[in-house]
């Protein structure tokens, strides 16, 4: 459970979020911290983790089912989380650059 425990600076990021968005952001944040990618759906986050994080953010665990996986909030959440960890979304330019460097020079 230690990987699902919110740190003080992470709790600060929750200050302007309520309900399902508060719980959703917290779960997405901790999931990204552990996996370095975002879950595609609510079922990818272990139920015990949902319950534990819900307790920490004082939002009923059932609110996780109400988190909007298609809306503007999740887009903002993902951007905020990537920024917090120093990541950015990949671009088409990144994809082309990587494709141009394959196979690695050592395998050529």
Protein backbone atom coordinates (compact mmCIF):
# COMPACT_ATOMS: atom_id res chain seq x y z
CA UNK A 1 0.00 0.00 0.00
CA UNK A 2 2.96 2.34 0.35
CA UNK A 3 2.96 3.06 -3.40
CA UNK A 4 -0.69 4.16 -3.14
CA UNK A 5 -0.10 6.52 -0.20
CA UNK A 6 -0.49 10.16 -1.21
CA UNK A 7 2.40 12.40 -0.25
CA UNK A 8 1.93 15.93 1.02
CA UNK A 9 2.74 17.58 -2.32
CA UNK A 10 0.33 15.23 -4.09
CA UNK A 11 -2.48 16.15 -1.69
CA UNK A 12 -1.88 19.81 -2.57
CA UNK A 13 -2.63 18.95 -6.23
CA UNK A 14 -6.10 17.78 -5.15
CA UNK A 15 -7.17 21.06 -3.57
CA UNK A 16 -9.39 22.25 -6.44
CA UNK A 17 -10.90 18.86 -7.25
CA UNK A 18 -14.04 17.30 -5.77
CA UNK A 19 -15.97 14.04 -5.92
CA UNK A 20 -15.19 11.63 -8.74
CA UNK A 21 -12.60 14.03 -10.20
CA UNK A 22 -10.72 14.20 -6.90
CA UNK A 23 -10.61 10.43 -6.57
CA UNK A 24 -9.94 9.92 -10.28
CA UNK A 25 -7.03 12.36 -10.30
CA UNK A 26 -5.50 10.78 -7.20
CA UNK A 27 -5.77 7.28 -8.64
CA UNK A 28 -4.44 8.32 -12.04
CA UNK A 29 -1.53 10.11 -10.33
CA UNK A 30 -0.51 7.11 -8.23
CA UNK A 31 -1.07 4.63 -11.09
CA UNK A 32 1.16 6.73 -13.38
CA UNK A 33 3.79 6.98 -10.66
CA UNK A 34 3.94 3.18 -10.42
CA UNK A 35 3.39 2.15 -14.06
CA UNK A 36 4.54 5.22 -16.09
CA UNK A 37 1.34 4.99 -18.17
CA UNK A 38 -2.34 5.67 -17.58
CA UNK A 39 -5.00 2.99 -17.13
CA UNK A 40 -7.44 2.65 -20.02
CA UNK A 41 -10.40 1.94 -17.76
CA UNK A 42 -11.41 1.76 -14.11
CA UNK A 43 -10.95 -2.01 -13.98
CA UNK A 44 -7.18 -1.71 -14.43
CA UNK A 45 -6.79 -0.14 -10.99
CA UNK A 46 -6.86 -2.74 -8.21
CA UNK A 47 -9.97 -2.49 -6.02
CA UNK A 48 -7.93 -2.40 -2.77
CA UNK A 49 -5.99 0.59 -4.16
CA UNK A 50 -9.24 2.36 -5.02
CA UNK A 51 -10.55 1.82 -1.49
CA UNK A 52 -7.29 2.95 0.10
CA UNK A 53 -6.93 6.12 -1.99
CA UNK A 54 -10.64 6.92 -1.58
CA UNK A 55 -10.17 6.81 2.18
CA UNK A 56 -7.22 9.20 1.94
CA UNK A 57 -9.04 11.76 -0.23
CA UNK A 58 -12.31 11.38 1.71
CA UNK A 59 -14.39 10.44 -1.33
CA UNK A 60 -16.49 7.26 -1.42
CA UNK A 61 -14.79 4.52 -3.46
CA UNK A 62 -18.02 4.16 -5.47
CA UNK A 63 -17.27 7.55 -7.05
CA UNK A 64 -14.53 5.86 -9.09
CA UNK A 65 -17.29 4.43 -11.31
CA UNK A 66 -18.46 8.00 -12.05
CA UNK A 67 -15.04 9.23 -13.25
CA UNK A 68 -15.42 10.45 -16.84
CA UNK A 69 -12.95 8.60 -19.06
CA UNK A 70 -13.85 10.62 -22.16
CA UNK A 71 -14.23 14.22 -20.95
CA UNK A 72 -12.11 17.31 -20.67
CA UNK A 73 -11.25 16.67 -17.02
CA UNK A 74 -9.30 13.48 -17.73
CA UNK A 75 -7.36 15.28 -20.47
CA UNK A 76 -6.42 18.04 -18.01
CA UNK A 77 -5.60 15.45 -15.33
CA UNK A 78 -3.27 13.54 -17.65
CA UNK A 79 -1.51 16.75 -18.70
CA UNK A 80 -1.07 17.85 -15.09
CA UNK A 81 0.25 14.43 -14.07
CA UNK A 82 2.68 14.18 -16.99
CA UNK A 83 3.98 17.66 -16.16
CA UNK A 84 4.42 16.72 -12.50
CA UNK A 85 6.62 13.78 -13.50
CA UNK A 86 8.47 15.60 -16.29
CA UNK A 87 6.81 13.64 -19.10
CA UNK A 88 5.03 14.84 -22.22
CA UNK A 89 2.74 13.11 -24.68
CA UNK A 90 4.50 11.65 -27.70
CA UNK A 91 4.13 13.47 -31.00
CA UNK A 92 4.11 12.35 -34.62
CA UNK A 93 7.60 13.86 -34.92
CA UNK A 94 8.76 11.64 -32.04
CA UNK A 95 7.29 8.59 -33.77
CA UNK A 96 9.02 9.43 -37.06
CA UNK A 97 12.34 10.09 -35.34
CA UNK A 98 12.15 6.76 -33.52
CA UNK A 99 11.15 4.88 -36.66
CA UNK A 100 14.12 6.42 -38.50
CA UNK A 101 16.52 5.17 -35.84
CA UNK A 102 15.39 1.55 -36.07
CA UNK A 103 17.15 -0.81 -36.11
CA UNK A 104 19.77 0.55 -33.71
CA UNK A 105 23.13 1.28 -35.31
CA UNK A 106 24.70 -1.63 -33.40
CA UNK A 107 22.33 -4.02 -35.22
CA UNK A 108 22.93 -2.55 -38.70
